């Protein structure tokens, strides 16, 4: 692309110029000039199919090199939301900080350390999503599935799931357990999208209906 919006936008974001970052993107959006985001947005309905064709090594390489970049740019945000956040930034009610160390808790307060100062807060909301690995999850169900060999961890997050049947991949040939949603993100990729989870649920219902009819037919033949 001759003039993708990400170059200037990332330059402003890296400088900590939050208002300038949004001013720039709002101006480009008003001119319908967001080619990079348009390109990524147009891929979201078949990106999961490409993901299924990649090897685990390729999936890991993509996740390490482009995961955060993809997550940042692939979803178009409603312009009203961006404009409202930009107002808060201009009023000094919203700030962008880049931590240089893990967030600590001291004296009942959260401490975020940046290259220029330390910020103390009484409350902290973690909006970064769940952890990728499942070995240390608190869920007794997930731990038991892993210990008993009924499920396997995916290196890109969640559990390994068959991309066609959504059945858990395990040491057993067929555990009879199916998995949809964020827990299958390493295998299915687009699990944070409602349309995708709805599509998977529909496909799984169709698959199970065929399996039930086939099993009933086999049982009838044996009788």
C-alpha atoms as a PDB file:
ATOM      1  CA  UNK A   1       0.000   0.000   0.000  1.00  0.00           C
ATOM      2  CA  UNK A   2       1.294   3.460  -0.876  1.00  0.00           C
ATOM      3  CA  UNK A   3      -0.116   5.227   2.165  1.00  0.00           C
ATOM      4  CA  UNK A   4      -1.516   2.831   4.785  1.00  0.00           C
ATOM      5  CA  UNK A   5      -2.897   4.482   7.900  1.00  0.00           C
ATOM      6  CA  UNK A   6      -0.910   2.268  10.252  1.00  0.00           C
ATOM      7  CA  UNK A   7       2.444   3.982   9.621  1.00  0.00           C
ATOM      8  CA  UNK A   8       1.461   7.432  10.875  1.00  0.00           C
ATOM      9  CA  UNK A   9      -0.945   6.044  13.480  1.00  0.00           C
ATOM     10  CA  UNK A  10       1.675   3.817  15.087  1.00  0.00           C
ATOM     11  CA  UNK A  11       4.161   6.677  15.076  1.00  0.00           C
ATOM     12  CA  UNK A  12       1.715   8.857  17.040  1.00  0.00           C
ATOM     13  CA  UNK A  13       0.777   6.023  19.388  1.00  0.00           C
ATOM     14  CA  UNK A  14       4.429   5.225  20.124  1.00  0.00           C
ATOM     15  CA  UNK A  15       4.985   8.869  21.091  1.00  0.00           C
ATOM     16  CA  UNK A  16       2.082   8.656  23.537  1.00  0.00           C
ATOM     17  CA  UNK A  17       0.080  11.212  21.549  1.00  0.00           C
ATOM     18  CA  UNK A  18      -3.283   9.553  22.167  1.00  0.00           C
ATOM     19  CA  UNK A  19      -5.405  12.467  20.982  1.00  0.00           C
ATOM     20  CA  UNK A  20      -3.271  12.953  17.881  1.00  0.00           C
ATOM     21  CA  UNK A  21      -3.595   9.223  17.162  1.00  0.00           C
ATOM     22  CA  UNK A  22      -7.386   9.362  17.219  1.00  0.00           C
ATOM     23  CA  UNK A  23      -7.578  12.716  15.420  1.00  0.00           C
ATOM     24  CA  UNK A  24      -5.573  11.201  12.596  1.00  0.00           C
ATOM     25  CA  UNK A  25      -7.703   8.044  12.331  1.00  0.00           C
ATOM     26  CA  UNK A  26     -10.988  10.000  12.564  1.00  0.00           C
ATOM     27  CA  UNK A  27      -9.811  12.298   9.771  1.00  0.00           C
ATOM     28  CA  UNK A  28      -8.851   9.331   7.582  1.00  0.00           C
ATOM     29  CA  UNK A  29     -12.163   7.607   8.349  1.00  0.00           C
ATOM     30  CA  UNK A  30     -14.129  10.730   7.352  1.00  0.00           C
ATOM     31  CA  UNK A  31     -12.432  10.477   3.962  1.00  0.00           C
ATOM     32  CA  UNK A  32     -13.061   6.702   3.737  1.00  0.00           C
ATOM     33  CA  UNK A  33      -9.294   6.274   3.650  1.00  0.00           C
ATOM     34  CA  UNK A  34      -8.527   3.329   5.948  1.00  0.00           C
ATOM     35  CA  UNK A  35      -7.285   0.773   3.391  1.00  0.00           C
ATOM     36  CA  UNK A  36      -5.267  -1.343   5.815  1.00  0.00           C
ATOM     37  CA  UNK A  37      -8.140  -1.883   8.244  1.00  0.00           C
ATOM     38  CA  UNK A  38     -10.549  -2.442   5.356  1.00  0.00           C
ATOM     39  CA  UNK A  39      -8.251  -5.180   4.056  1.00  0.00           C
ATOM     40  CA  UNK A  40      -8.036  -6.936   7.423  1.00  0.00           C
ATOM     41  CA  UNK A  41     -11.768  -6.545   8.071  1.00  0.00           C
ATOM     42  CA  UNK A  42     -12.561  -8.194   4.766  1.00  0.00           C
ATOM     43  CA  UNK A  43     -10.492 -11.257   5.713  1.00  0.00           C
ATOM     44  CA  UNK A  44     -12.185 -12.016   9.021  1.00  0.00           C
ATOM     45  CA  UNK A  45     -14.823 -14.283   7.468  1.00  0.00           C
ATOM     46  CA  UNK A  46     -12.258 -16.706   6.081  1.00  0.00           C
ATOM     47  CA  UNK A  47      -9.153 -16.087   8.246  1.00  0.00           C
ATOM     48  CA  UNK A  48     -10.064 -19.120  10.368  1.00  0.00           C
ATOM     49  CA  UNK A  49      -9.924 -21.315   7.253  1.00  0.00           C
ATOM     50  CA  UNK A  50      -6.392 -20.134   6.534  1.00  0.00           C
ATOM     51  CA  UNK A  51      -5.504 -20.774  10.186  1.00  0.00           C
ATOM     52  CA  UNK A  52      -6.595 -24.396   9.886  1.00  0.00           C
ATOM     53  CA  UNK A  53      -4.193 -24.871   6.957  1.00  0.00           C
ATOM     54  CA  UNK A  54      -1.169 -23.681   8.955  1.00  0.00           C
ATOM     55  CA  UNK A  55       1.086 -25.967  10.944  1.00  0.00           C
ATOM     56  CA  UNK A  56       1.388 -25.417  14.703  1.00  0.00           C
ATOM     57  CA  UNK A  57       4.837 -23.950  14.120  1.00  0.00           C
ATOM     58  CA  UNK A  58       3.423 -21.441  11.625  1.00  0.00           C
ATOM     59  CA  UNK A  59       0.544 -20.579  13.980  1.00  0.00           C
ATOM     60  CA  UNK A  60       2.997 -19.889  16.792  1.00  0.00           C
ATOM     61  CA  UNK A  61       5.178 -17.761  14.528  1.00  0.00           C
ATOM     62  CA  UNK A  62       2.189 -15.688  13.438  1.00  0.00           C
ATOM     63  CA  UNK A  63       0.999 -15.285  17.016  1.00  0.00           C
ATOM     64  CA  UNK A  64       4.413 -14.126  18.244  1.00  0.00           C
ATOM     65  CA  UNK A  65       5.135 -11.802  15.341  1.00  0.00           C
ATOM     66  CA  UNK A  66       1.717 -10.407  14.435  1.00  0.00           C
ATOM     67  CA  UNK A  67      -0.792 -11.457  17.114  1.00  0.00           C
ATOM     68  CA  UNK A  68      -1.029  -8.094  18.896  1.00  0.00           C
ATOM     69  CA  UNK A  69      -0.914  -6.209  15.595  1.00  0.00           C
ATOM     70  CA  UNK A  70      -3.757  -8.313  14.184  1.00  0.00           C
ATOM     71  CA  UNK A  71      -5.861  -7.916  17.318  1.00  0.00           C
ATOM     72  CA  UNK A  72      -5.416  -4.142  17.225  1.00  0.00           C
ATOM     73  CA  UNK A  73      -6.295  -3.522  13.591  1.00  0.00           C
ATOM     74  CA  UNK A  74      -8.700  -6.205  12.417  1.00  0.00           C
ATOM     75  CA  UNK A  75     -11.821  -4.872  14.201  1.00  0.00           C
ATOM     76  CA  UNK A  76     -13.355  -1.604  13.003  1.00  0.00           C
ATOM     77  CA  UNK A  77     -14.510   0.395  16.048  1.00  0.00           C
ATOM     78  CA  UNK A  78     -17.729   2.458  15.816  1.00  0.00           C
ATOM     79  CA  UNK A  79     -16.740   6.056  15.116  1.00  0.00           C
ATOM     80  CA  UNK A  80     -18.944   7.372  17.926  1.00  0.00           C
ATOM     81  CA  UNK A  81     -16.877   5.358  20.411  1.00  0.00           C
ATOM     82  CA  UNK A  82     -13.569   6.681  19.063  1.00  0.00           C
ATOM     83  CA  UNK A  83     -14.843  10.283  19.093  1.00  0.00           C
ATOM     84  CA  UNK A  84     -16.053   9.950  22.692  1.00  0.00           C
ATOM     85  CA  UNK A  85     -12.730   8.476  23.845  1.00  0.00           C
ATOM     86  CA  UNK A  86     -10.916  11.259  22.017  1.00  0.00           C
ATOM     87  CA  UNK A  87     -12.897  13.871  23.945  1.00  0.00           C
ATOM     88  CA  UNK A  88     -11.806  12.228  27.208  1.00  0.00           C
ATOM     89  CA  UNK A  89      -8.186  12.253  26.022  1.00  0.00           C
ATOM     90  CA  UNK A  90      -8.340  15.965  25.171  1.00  0.00           C
ATOM     91  CA  UNK A  91      -9.861  16.698  28.577  1.00  0.00           C
ATOM     92  CA  UNK A  92      -7.096  14.757  30.329  1.00  0.00           C
ATOM     93  CA  UNK A  93      -9.540  12.153  31.644  1.00  0.00           C
ATOM     94  CA  UNK A  94      -7.966   9.332  29.622  1.00  0.00           C
ATOM     95  CA  UNK A  95      -4.233   8.709  29.399  1.00  0.00           C
ATOM     96  CA  UNK A  96      -1.993   6.158  27.729  1.00  0.00           C
ATOM     97  CA  UNK A  97       0.876   4.638  29.714  1.00  0.00           C
ATOM     98  CA  UNK A  98       3.409   1.995  28.762  1.00  0.00           C
ATOM     99  CA  UNK A  99       4.541  -0.065  31.776  1.00  0.00           C
ATOM    100  CA  UNK A 100       8.183  -1.061  32.010  1.00  0.00           C
ATOM    101  CA  UNK A 101       7.665  -3.632  34.782  1.00  0.00           C
ATOM    102  CA  UNK A 102       4.917  -5.989  35.977  1.00  0.00           C
ATOM    103  CA  UNK A 103       2.161  -4.251  37.943  1.00  0.00           C
ATOM    104  CA  UNK A 104       2.716  -4.584  41.693  1.00  0.00           C
ATOM    105  CA  UNK A 105       0.439  -4.426  44.735  1.00  0.00           C
ATOM    106  CA  UNK A 106       1.714  -2.522  47.760  1.00  0.00           C
ATOM    107  CA  UNK A 107      -0.254  -1.234  50.725  1.00  0.00           C
ATOM    108  CA  UNK A 108      -3.519  -2.182  49.066  1.00  0.00           C
ATOM    109  CA  UNK A 109      -2.728  -0.101  45.972  1.00  0.00           C
ATOM    110  CA  UNK A 110      -1.770  -1.090  42.444  1.00  0.00           C
ATOM    111  CA  UNK A 111       1.503   0.389  41.234  1.00  0.00           C
ATOM    112  CA  UNK A 112       2.207   0.813  37.531  1.00  0.00           C
ATOM    113  CA  UNK A 113       5.737   1.878  36.687  1.00  0.00           C
ATOM    114  CA  UNK A 114       6.509   3.707  33.427  1.00  0.00           C
ATOM    115  CA  UNK A 115       9.791   5.107  32.121  1.00  0.00           C
ATOM    116  CA  UNK A 116       8.908   8.524  33.558  1.00  0.00           C
ATOM    117  CA  UNK A 117       6.840   7.944  36.714  1.00  0.00           C
ATOM    118  CA  UNK A 118       4.960   5.587  38.992  1.00  0.00           C
ATOM    119  CA  UNK A 119       1.166   5.529  39.073  1.00  0.00           C
ATOM    120  CA  UNK A 120      -0.761   4.350  42.148  1.00  0.00           C
ATOM    121  CA  UNK A 121      -4.397   3.289  41.888  1.00  0.00           C
ATOM    122  CA  UNK A 122      -7.023   1.883  44.222  1.00  0.00           C
ATOM    123  CA  UNK A 123      -8.602  -0.270  41.507  1.00  0.00           C
ATOM    124  CA  UNK A 124      -7.404  -2.108  38.414  1.00  0.00           C
ATOM    125  CA  UNK A 125      -9.445  -3.590  35.585  1.00  0.00           C
ATOM    126  CA  UNK A 126      -7.609  -6.206  33.526  1.00  0.00           C
ATOM    127  CA  UNK A 127      -9.099  -6.089  30.026  1.00  0.00           C
ATOM    128  CA  UNK A 128      -6.346  -8.060  28.306  1.00  0.00           C
ATOM    129  CA  UNK A 129      -8.321 -11.293  28.062  1.00  0.00           C
ATOM    130  CA  UNK A 130      -7.681 -14.730  29.486  1.00  0.00           C
ATOM    131  CA  UNK A 131      -4.353 -16.480  29.682  1.00  0.00           C
ATOM    132  CA  UNK A 132      -3.268 -18.501  26.672  1.00  0.00           C
ATOM    133  CA  UNK A 133      -2.115 -21.645  28.463  1.00  0.00           C
ATOM    134  CA  UNK A 134      -4.521 -23.991  30.222  1.00  0.00           C
ATOM    135  CA  UNK A 135      -2.163 -26.028  32.407  1.00  0.00           C
ATOM    136  CA  UNK A 136      -2.505 -23.615  35.320  1.00  0.00           C
ATOM    137  CA  UNK A 137      -6.224 -22.830  35.017  1.00  0.00           C
ATOM    138  CA  UNK A 138      -8.347 -23.087  38.151  1.00  0.00           C
ATOM    139  CA  UNK A 139     -11.118 -25.027  36.430  1.00  0.00           C
ATOM    140  CA  UNK A 140     -11.350 -28.519  37.919  1.00  0.00           C
ATOM    141  CA  UNK A 141     -13.065 -29.735  34.761  1.00  0.00           C
ATOM    142  CA  UNK A 142     -10.219 -28.614  32.476  1.00  0.00           C
ATOM    143  CA  UNK A 143      -7.546 -29.986  34.803  1.00  0.00           C
ATOM    144  CA  UNK A 144      -9.276 -33.365  34.964  1.00  0.00           C
ATOM    145  CA  UNK A 145      -9.659 -33.513  31.176  1.00  0.00           C
ATOM    146  CA  UNK A 146      -5.927 -32.889  30.753  1.00  0.00           C
ATOM    147  CA  UNK A 147      -4.837 -35.324  33.492  1.00  0.00           C
ATOM    148  CA  UNK A 148      -7.050 -38.119  32.173  1.00  0.00           C
ATOM    149  CA  UNK A 149      -5.859 -37.652  28.612  1.00  0.00           C
ATOM    150  CA  UNK A 150      -9.295 -36.527  27.388  1.00  0.00           C
ATOM    151  CA  UNK A 151      -7.912 -33.193  26.164  1.00  0.00           C
ATOM    152  CA  UNK A 152      -4.627 -31.723  24.955  1.00  0.00           C
ATOM    153  CA  UNK A 153      -3.257 -28.211  25.315  1.00  0.00           C
ATOM    154  CA  UNK A 154      -2.845 -26.136  22.150  1.00  0.00           C
ATOM    155  CA  UNK A 155       0.426 -24.131  22.035  1.00  0.00           C
ATOM    156  CA  UNK A 156      -1.466 -21.058  20.788  1.00  0.00           C
ATOM    157  CA  UNK A 157      -3.974 -21.167  23.631  1.00  0.00           C
ATOM    158  CA  UNK A 158      -6.853 -23.279  24.861  1.00  0.00           C
ATOM    159  CA  UNK A 159      -7.436 -26.907  23.966  1.00  0.00           C
ATOM    160  CA  UNK A 160      -6.779 -28.765  20.733  1.00  0.00           C
ATOM    161  CA  UNK A 161     -10.024 -29.133  18.798  1.00  0.00           C
ATOM    162  CA  UNK A 162     -10.750 -30.863  15.509  1.00  0.00           C
ATOM    163  CA  UNK A 163     -11.490 -28.138  12.970  1.00  0.00           C
ATOM    164  CA  UNK A 164     -14.186 -30.213  11.261  1.00  0.00           C
ATOM    165  CA  UNK A 165     -16.090 -31.868  14.108  1.00  0.00           C
ATOM    166  CA  UNK A 166     -15.086 -29.571  17.041  1.00  0.00           C
ATOM    167  CA  UNK A 167     -14.324 -32.695  19.060  1.00  0.00           C
ATOM    168  CA  UNK A 168     -11.525 -32.470  21.618  1.00  0.00           C
ATOM    169  CA  UNK A 169      -8.307 -33.973  20.320  1.00  0.00           C
ATOM    170  CA  UNK A 170      -6.943 -36.406  22.854  1.00  0.00           C
ATOM    171  CA  UNK A 171      -5.014 -39.611  23.361  1.00  0.00           C
ATOM    172  CA  UNK A 172      -8.284 -41.435  22.815  1.00  0.00           C
ATOM    173  CA  UNK A 173      -9.625 -41.897  19.313  1.00  0.00           C
ATOM    174  CA  UNK A 174     -12.945 -40.291  20.175  1.00  0.00           C
ATOM    175  CA  UNK A 175     -13.668 -38.893  23.625  1.00  0.00           C
ATOM    176  CA  UNK A 176     -17.192 -37.815  22.679  1.00  0.00           C
ATOM    177  CA  UNK A 177     -16.500 -34.332  24.068  1.00  0.00           C
ATOM    178  CA  UNK A 178     -16.936 -31.230  21.892  1.00  0.00           C
ATOM    179  CA  UNK A 179     -15.614 -27.739  22.469  1.00  0.00           C
ATOM    180  CA  UNK A 180     -16.591 -24.319  21.102  1.00  0.00           C
ATOM    181  CA  UNK A 181     -15.800 -20.735  22.031  1.00  0.00           C
ATOM    182  CA  UNK A 182     -12.688 -19.059  23.501  1.00  0.00           C
ATOM    183  CA  UNK A 183     -11.435 -22.318  25.015  1.00  0.00           C
ATOM    184  CA  UNK A 184     -10.784 -23.501  21.459  1.00  0.00           C
ATOM    185  CA  UNK A 185      -9.068 -20.324  20.269  1.00  0.00           C
ATOM    186  CA  UNK A 186      -5.736 -21.985  19.517  1.00  0.00           C
ATOM    187  CA  UNK A 187      -7.412 -24.344  17.069  1.00  0.00           C
ATOM    188  CA  UNK A 188     -10.282 -22.255  15.688  1.00  0.00           C
ATOM    189  CA  UNK A 189      -8.739 -18.740  15.810  1.00  0.00           C
ATOM    190  CA  UNK A 190     -11.790 -16.428  15.508  1.00  0.00           C
ATOM    191  CA  UNK A 191     -13.465 -17.461  18.761  1.00  0.00           C
ATOM    192  CA  UNK A 192     -13.923 -13.916  20.088  1.00  0.00           C
ATOM    193  CA  UNK A 193     -16.432 -13.145  17.313  1.00  0.00           C
ATOM    194  CA  UNK A 194     -20.133 -13.795  17.886  1.00  0.00           C
ATOM    195  CA  UNK A 195     -20.827 -14.612  14.224  1.00  0.00           C
ATOM    196  CA  UNK A 196     -18.054 -17.225  14.242  1.00  0.00           C
ATOM    197  CA  UNK A 197     -19.213 -18.982  17.414  1.00  0.00           C
ATOM    198  CA  UNK A 198     -22.769 -18.981  16.072  1.00  0.00           C
ATOM    199  CA  UNK A 199     -21.529 -20.551  12.830  1.00  0.00           C
ATOM    200  CA  UNK A 200     -19.566 -23.209  14.739  1.00  0.00           C
ATOM    201  CA  UNK A 201     -22.592 -24.037  16.902  1.00  0.00           C
ATOM    202  CA  UNK A 202     -24.729 -24.450  13.782  1.00  0.00           C
ATOM    203  CA  UNK A 203     -22.112 -26.671  12.128  1.00  0.00           C
ATOM    204  CA  UNK A 204     -21.775 -28.791  15.271  1.00  0.00           C
ATOM    205  CA  UNK A 205     -25.552 -29.245  15.542  1.00  0.00           C
ATOM    206  CA  UNK A 206     -25.638 -30.363  11.907  1.00  0.00           C
ATOM    207  CA  UNK A 207     -22.729 -32.773  12.466  1.00  0.00           C
ATOM    208  CA  UNK A 208     -24.311 -34.291  15.585  1.00  0.00           C
ATOM    209  CA  UNK A 209     -27.648 -34.711  13.815  1.00  0.00           C
ATOM    210  CA  UNK A 210     -25.911 -36.695  11.060  1.00  0.00           C
ATOM    211  CA  UNK A 211     -24.051 -38.796  13.645  1.00  0.00           C
ATOM    212  CA  UNK A 212     -27.269 -39.562  15.526  1.00  0.00           C
ATOM    213  CA  UNK A 213     -29.107 -40.584  12.360  1.00  0.00           C
ATOM    214  CA  UNK A 214     -26.165 -42.708  11.220  1.00  0.00           C
ATOM    215  CA  UNK A 215     -25.938 -44.421  14.630  1.00  0.00           C
ATOM    216  CA  UNK A 216     -29.677 -45.102  14.603  1.00  0.00           C
ATOM    217  CA  UNK A 217     -29.417 -46.578  11.109  1.00  0.00           C
ATOM    218  CA  UNK A 218     -26.540 -48.876  12.148  1.00  0.00           C
ATOM    219  CA  UNK A 219     -28.453 -49.998  15.244  1.00  0.00           C
ATOM    220  CA  UNK A 220     -31.511 -50.753  13.122  1.00  0.00           C
ATOM    221  CA  UNK A 221     -29.450 -52.830  10.697  1.00  0.00           C
ATOM    222  CA  UNK A 222     -27.968 -54.914  13.533  1.00  0.00           C
ATOM    223  CA  UNK A 223     -31.423 -55.633  14.910  1.00  0.00           C
END
